[in-house]
Amino acid sequence: MAGELILIVEDNEKNRKLVRDVLQFKGYRTLEAESGELGVALARDSRPALILMDIQLPGMSGIEALGHLRADPTTRDIPIVAVTASAMMQDRQRILAAGFDGYQSKPIDVKGFVQVVAEVLANGPRRPA
């Protein structure tokens, strides 16, 4: 279902542009942050339907930002998908164990990426464990 607001938290401009262009082409609205700190603030203010979070960010990491978002009652139910170059199996397991709702490796496979976004959005708000 297109039209939902998706927050992209990514420090690399080219990666941000690719994700934004793919999502907007599919009809989603996007909001962008270049750091974990800004991502947390924008999530609190805009309440997106989904957050796509890089793990390796300057300052606050994506895992730290996830912790802040999960601790806040206004953002804890927003699904968050890790989008990361950390593609080893143990990295994936560690990231999902941290509480992310999905995982997408970089460089992204556009078809698979769009499918992950659609699936997470179809599941609706996160249900706390």
C-alpha atoms as a PDB file:
ATOM      1  CA  MET A   1       0.000   0.000   0.000  1.00  0.00           C
ATOM      2  CA  ALA A   2       1.720   3.168  -1.172  1.00  0.00           C
ATOM      3  CA  GLY A   3       1.461   6.630   0.318  1.00  0.00           C
ATOM      4  CA  GLU A   4       2.917   5.792   3.731  1.00  0.00           C
ATOM      5  CA  LEU A   5       5.652   7.988   5.167  1.00  0.00           C
ATOM      6  CA  ILE A   6       9.016   6.225   5.420  1.00  0.00           C
ATOM      7  CA  LEU A   7      11.971   7.691   7.320  1.00  0.00           C
ATOM      8  CA  ILE A   8      15.361   6.908   5.763  1.00  0.00           C
ATOM      9  CA  VAL A   9      18.269   7.180   8.231  1.00  0.00           C
ATOM     10  CA  GLU A  10      21.429   6.926   6.132  1.00  0.00           C
ATOM     11  CA  ASP A  11      24.631   8.979   6.161  1.00  0.00           C
ATOM     12  CA  ASN A  12      25.749   8.125   2.604  1.00  0.00           C
ATOM     13  CA  GLU A  13      24.166  10.542   0.133  1.00  0.00           C
ATOM     14  CA  LYS A  14      24.199   8.098  -2.810  1.00  0.00           C
ATOM     15  CA  ASN A  15      22.573   5.329  -0.760  1.00  0.00           C
ATOM     16  CA  ARG A  16      19.979   7.777   0.553  1.00  0.00           C
ATOM     17  CA  LYS A  17      19.165   8.949  -2.976  1.00  0.00           C
ATOM     18  CA  LEU A  18      18.785   5.390  -4.294  1.00  0.00           C
ATOM     19  CA  VAL A  19      16.449   4.372  -1.470  1.00  0.00           C
ATOM     20  CA  ARG A  20      14.468   7.627  -1.758  1.00  0.00           C
ATOM     21  CA  ASP A  21      14.111   7.312  -5.538  1.00  0.00           C
ATOM     22  CA  VAL A  22      12.982   3.667  -5.356  1.00  0.00           C
ATOM     23  CA  LEU A  23      10.450   4.379  -2.607  1.00  0.00           C
ATOM     24  CA  GLN A  24       9.059   7.512  -4.235  1.00  0.00           C
ATOM     25  CA  PHE A  25       8.754   5.682  -7.572  1.00  0.00           C
ATOM     26  CA  LYS A  26       6.604   3.114  -5.741  1.00  0.00           C
ATOM     27  CA  GLY A  27       4.412   5.894  -4.328  1.00  0.00           C
ATOM     28  CA  TYR A  28       5.757   6.194  -0.795  1.00  0.00           C
ATOM     29  CA  ARG A  29       6.483   9.527   0.860  1.00  0.00           C
ATOM     30  CA  THR A  30       9.957   9.873   2.349  1.00  0.00           C
ATOM     31  CA  LEU A  31      11.750  11.817   5.036  1.00  0.00           C
ATOM     32  CA  GLU A  32      15.534  11.691   5.465  1.00  0.00           C
ATOM     33  CA  ALA A  33      18.097  11.936   8.240  1.00  0.00           C
ATOM     34  CA  GLU A  34      21.896  11.745   7.996  1.00  0.00           C
ATOM     35  CA  SER A  35      22.478  10.705  11.621  1.00  0.00           C
ATOM     36  CA  GLY A  36      20.958   8.558  14.333  1.00  0.00           C
ATOM     37  CA  GLU A  37      20.283  11.592  16.490  1.00  0.00           C
ATOM     38  CA  LEU A  38      18.356  13.381  13.736  1.00  0.00           C
ATOM     39  CA  GLY A  39      16.558  10.147  12.841  1.00  0.00           C
ATOM     40  CA  VAL A  40      15.302   9.734  16.410  1.00  0.00           C
ATOM     41  CA  ALA A  41      14.119  13.366  16.510  1.00  0.00           C
ATOM     42  CA  LEU A  42      12.356  13.126  13.133  1.00  0.00           C
ATOM     43  CA  ALA A  43      10.686   9.845  14.124  1.00  0.00           C
ATOM     44  CA  ARG A  44       9.293  11.461  17.278  1.00  0.00           C
ATOM     45  CA  ASP A  45       8.021  14.470  15.332  1.00  0.00           C
ATOM     46  CA  SER A  46       6.660  12.772  12.199  1.00  0.00           C
ATOM     47  CA  ARG A  47       5.639   9.263  13.358  1.00  0.00           C
ATOM     48  CA  PRO A  48       6.492   7.497  10.069  1.00  0.00           C
ATOM     49  CA  ALA A  49       4.907   4.166   9.139  1.00  0.00           C
ATOM     50  CA  LEU A  50       8.403   2.641   8.769  1.00  0.00           C
ATOM     51  CA  ILE A  51      12.023   3.538   9.511  1.00  0.00           C
ATOM     52  CA  LEU A  52      14.899   2.286   7.350  1.00  0.00           C
ATOM     53  CA  MET A  53      18.004   2.511   9.544  1.00  0.00           C
ATOM     54  CA  ASP A  54      21.652   2.238   8.559  1.00  0.00           C
ATOM     55  CA  ILE A  55      23.752   0.624  11.287  1.00  0.00           C
ATOM     56  CA  GLN A  56      27.082   2.413  10.739  1.00  0.00           C
ATOM     57  CA  LEU A  57      26.188   6.063  11.362  1.00  0.00           C
ATOM     58  CA  PRO A  58      28.333   8.949  12.607  1.00  0.00           C
ATOM     59  CA  GLY A  59      27.803   9.626  16.301  1.00  0.00           C
ATOM     60  CA  MET A  60      24.913   7.473  17.456  1.00  0.00           C
ATOM     61  CA  SER A  61      24.884   4.071  15.716  1.00  0.00           C
ATOM     62  CA  GLY A  62      21.743   2.593  14.229  1.00  0.00           C
ATOM     63  CA  ILE A  63      21.565   0.091  17.092  1.00  0.00           C
ATOM     64  CA  GLU A  64      21.796   2.921  19.654  1.00  0.00           C
ATOM     65  CA  ALA A  65      19.103   4.865  17.775  1.00  0.00           C
ATOM     66  CA  LEU A  66      16.914   1.738  17.819  1.00  0.00           C
ATOM     67  CA  GLY A  67      17.273   1.615  21.602  1.00  0.00           C
ATOM     68  CA  HIS A  68      16.136   5.232  21.953  1.00  0.00           C
ATOM     69  CA  LEU A  69      13.158   4.643  19.646  1.00  0.00           C
ATOM     70  CA  ARG A  70      12.071   1.464  21.447  1.00  0.00           C
ATOM     71  CA  ALA A  71      12.337   3.189  24.845  1.00  0.00           C
ATOM     72  CA  ASP A  72      10.031   6.049  23.794  1.00  0.00           C
ATOM     73  CA  PRO A  73       6.268   5.332  23.995  1.00  0.00           C
ATOM     74  CA  THR A  74       5.633   7.590  20.975  1.00  0.00           C
ATOM     75  CA  THR A  75       7.984   5.616  18.686  1.00  0.00           C
ATOM     76  CA  ARG A  76       8.244   2.102  20.144  1.00  0.00           C
ATOM     77  CA  ASP A  77       5.640   0.596  17.799  1.00  0.00           C
ATOM     78  CA  ILE A  78       7.186   1.934  14.561  1.00  0.00           C
ATOM     79  CA  PRO A  79       8.688  -0.953  12.552  1.00  0.00           C
ATOM     80  CA  ILE A  80      12.404  -0.464  11.898  1.00  0.00           C
ATOM     81  CA  VAL A  81      14.360  -2.292   9.190  1.00  0.00           C
ATOM     82  CA  ALA A  82      18.151  -2.342   9.292  1.00  0.00           C
ATOM     83  CA  VAL A  83      19.719  -1.469   5.936  1.00  0.00           C
ATOM     84  CA  THR A  84      23.397  -2.250   6.227  1.00  0.00           C
ATOM     85  CA  ALA A  85      26.584  -3.344   4.522  1.00  0.00           C
ATOM     86  CA  SER A  86      27.165  -5.734   7.453  1.00  0.00           C
ATOM     87  CA  ALA A  87      26.118  -8.798   5.490  1.00  0.00           C
ATOM     88  CA  MET A  88      27.762 -11.677   7.378  1.00  0.00           C
ATOM     89  CA  MET A  89      25.326 -14.188   8.908  1.00  0.00           C
ATOM     90  CA  GLN A  90      26.441 -13.340  12.467  1.00  0.00           C
ATOM     91  CA  ASP A  91      25.896  -9.617  11.718  1.00  0.00           C
ATOM     92  CA  ARG A  92      22.365 -10.332  10.516  1.00  0.00           C
ATOM     93  CA  GLN A  93      21.613 -12.410  13.608  1.00  0.00           C
ATOM     94  CA  ARG A  94      23.053  -9.743  15.946  1.00  0.00           C
ATOM     95  CA  ILE A  95      21.064  -6.982  14.239  1.00  0.00           C
ATOM     96  CA  LEU A  96      17.770  -8.892  14.338  1.00  0.00           C
ATOM     97  CA  ALA A  97      18.417  -9.909  17.962  1.00  0.00           C
ATOM     98  CA  ALA A  98      18.819  -6.202  18.818  1.00  0.00           C
ATOM     99  CA  GLY A  99      15.129  -5.726  17.958  1.00  0.00           C
ATOM    100  CA  PHE A 100      14.983  -4.681  14.311  1.00  0.00           C
ATOM    101  CA  ASP A 101      11.871  -5.825  12.450  1.00  0.00           C
ATOM    102  CA  GLY A 102      13.751  -6.679   9.276  1.00  0.00           C
ATOM    103  CA  TYR A 103      17.121  -6.699   7.600  1.00  0.00           C
ATOM    104  CA  GLN A 104      18.250  -5.590   4.157  1.00  0.00           C
ATOM    105  CA  SER A 105      21.868  -5.835   3.040  1.00  0.00           C
ATOM    106  CA  LYS A 106      23.649  -3.241   0.913  1.00  0.00           C
ATOM    107  CA  PRO A 107      24.043  -2.826  -1.918  1.00  0.00           C
ATOM    108  CA  ILE A 108      20.302  -3.235  -2.098  1.00  0.00           C
ATOM    109  CA  ASP A 109      18.575  -5.511  -4.561  1.00  0.00           C
ATOM    110  CA  VAL A 110      15.753  -3.182  -5.657  1.00  0.00           C
ATOM    111  CA  LYS A 111      13.107  -5.885  -6.156  1.00  0.00           C
ATOM    112  CA  GLY A 112      13.902  -7.593  -2.852  1.00  0.00           C
ATOM    113  CA  PHE A 113      14.122  -4.249  -1.058  1.00  0.00           C
ATOM    114  CA  VAL A 114      10.660  -3.162  -2.226  1.00  0.00           C
ATOM    115  CA  GLN A 115       9.277  -6.546  -1.184  1.00  0.00           C
ATOM    116  CA  VAL A 116      10.754  -6.237   2.340  1.00  0.00           C
ATOM    117  CA  VAL A 117       9.300  -2.725   2.705  1.00  0.00           C
ATOM    118  CA  ALA A 118       5.853  -3.860   1.546  1.00  0.00           C
ATOM    119  CA  GLU A 119       5.879  -6.903   3.851  1.00  0.00           C
ATOM    120  CA  VAL A 120       6.887  -4.930   6.939  1.00  0.00           C
ATOM    121  CA  LEU A 121       4.285  -2.252   6.216  1.00  0.00           C
ATOM    122  CA  ALA A 122       1.611  -4.918   5.652  1.00  0.00           C
ATOM    123  CA  ASN A 123       2.313  -6.305   9.129  1.00  0.00           C
ATOM    124  CA  GLY A 124       1.330  -2.932  10.614  1.00  0.00           C
ATOM    125  CA  PRO A 125       2.635  -1.405  13.835  1.00  0.00           C
ATOM    126  CA  ARG A 126       5.143  -3.413  15.803  1.00  0.00           C
ATOM    127  CA  ARG A 127       3.862  -5.439  18.705  1.00  0.00           C
ATOM    128  CA  PRO A 128       6.244  -5.165  21.636  1.00  0.00           C
ATOM    129  CA  ALA A 129       7.863  -8.457  22.707  1.00  0.00           C
END
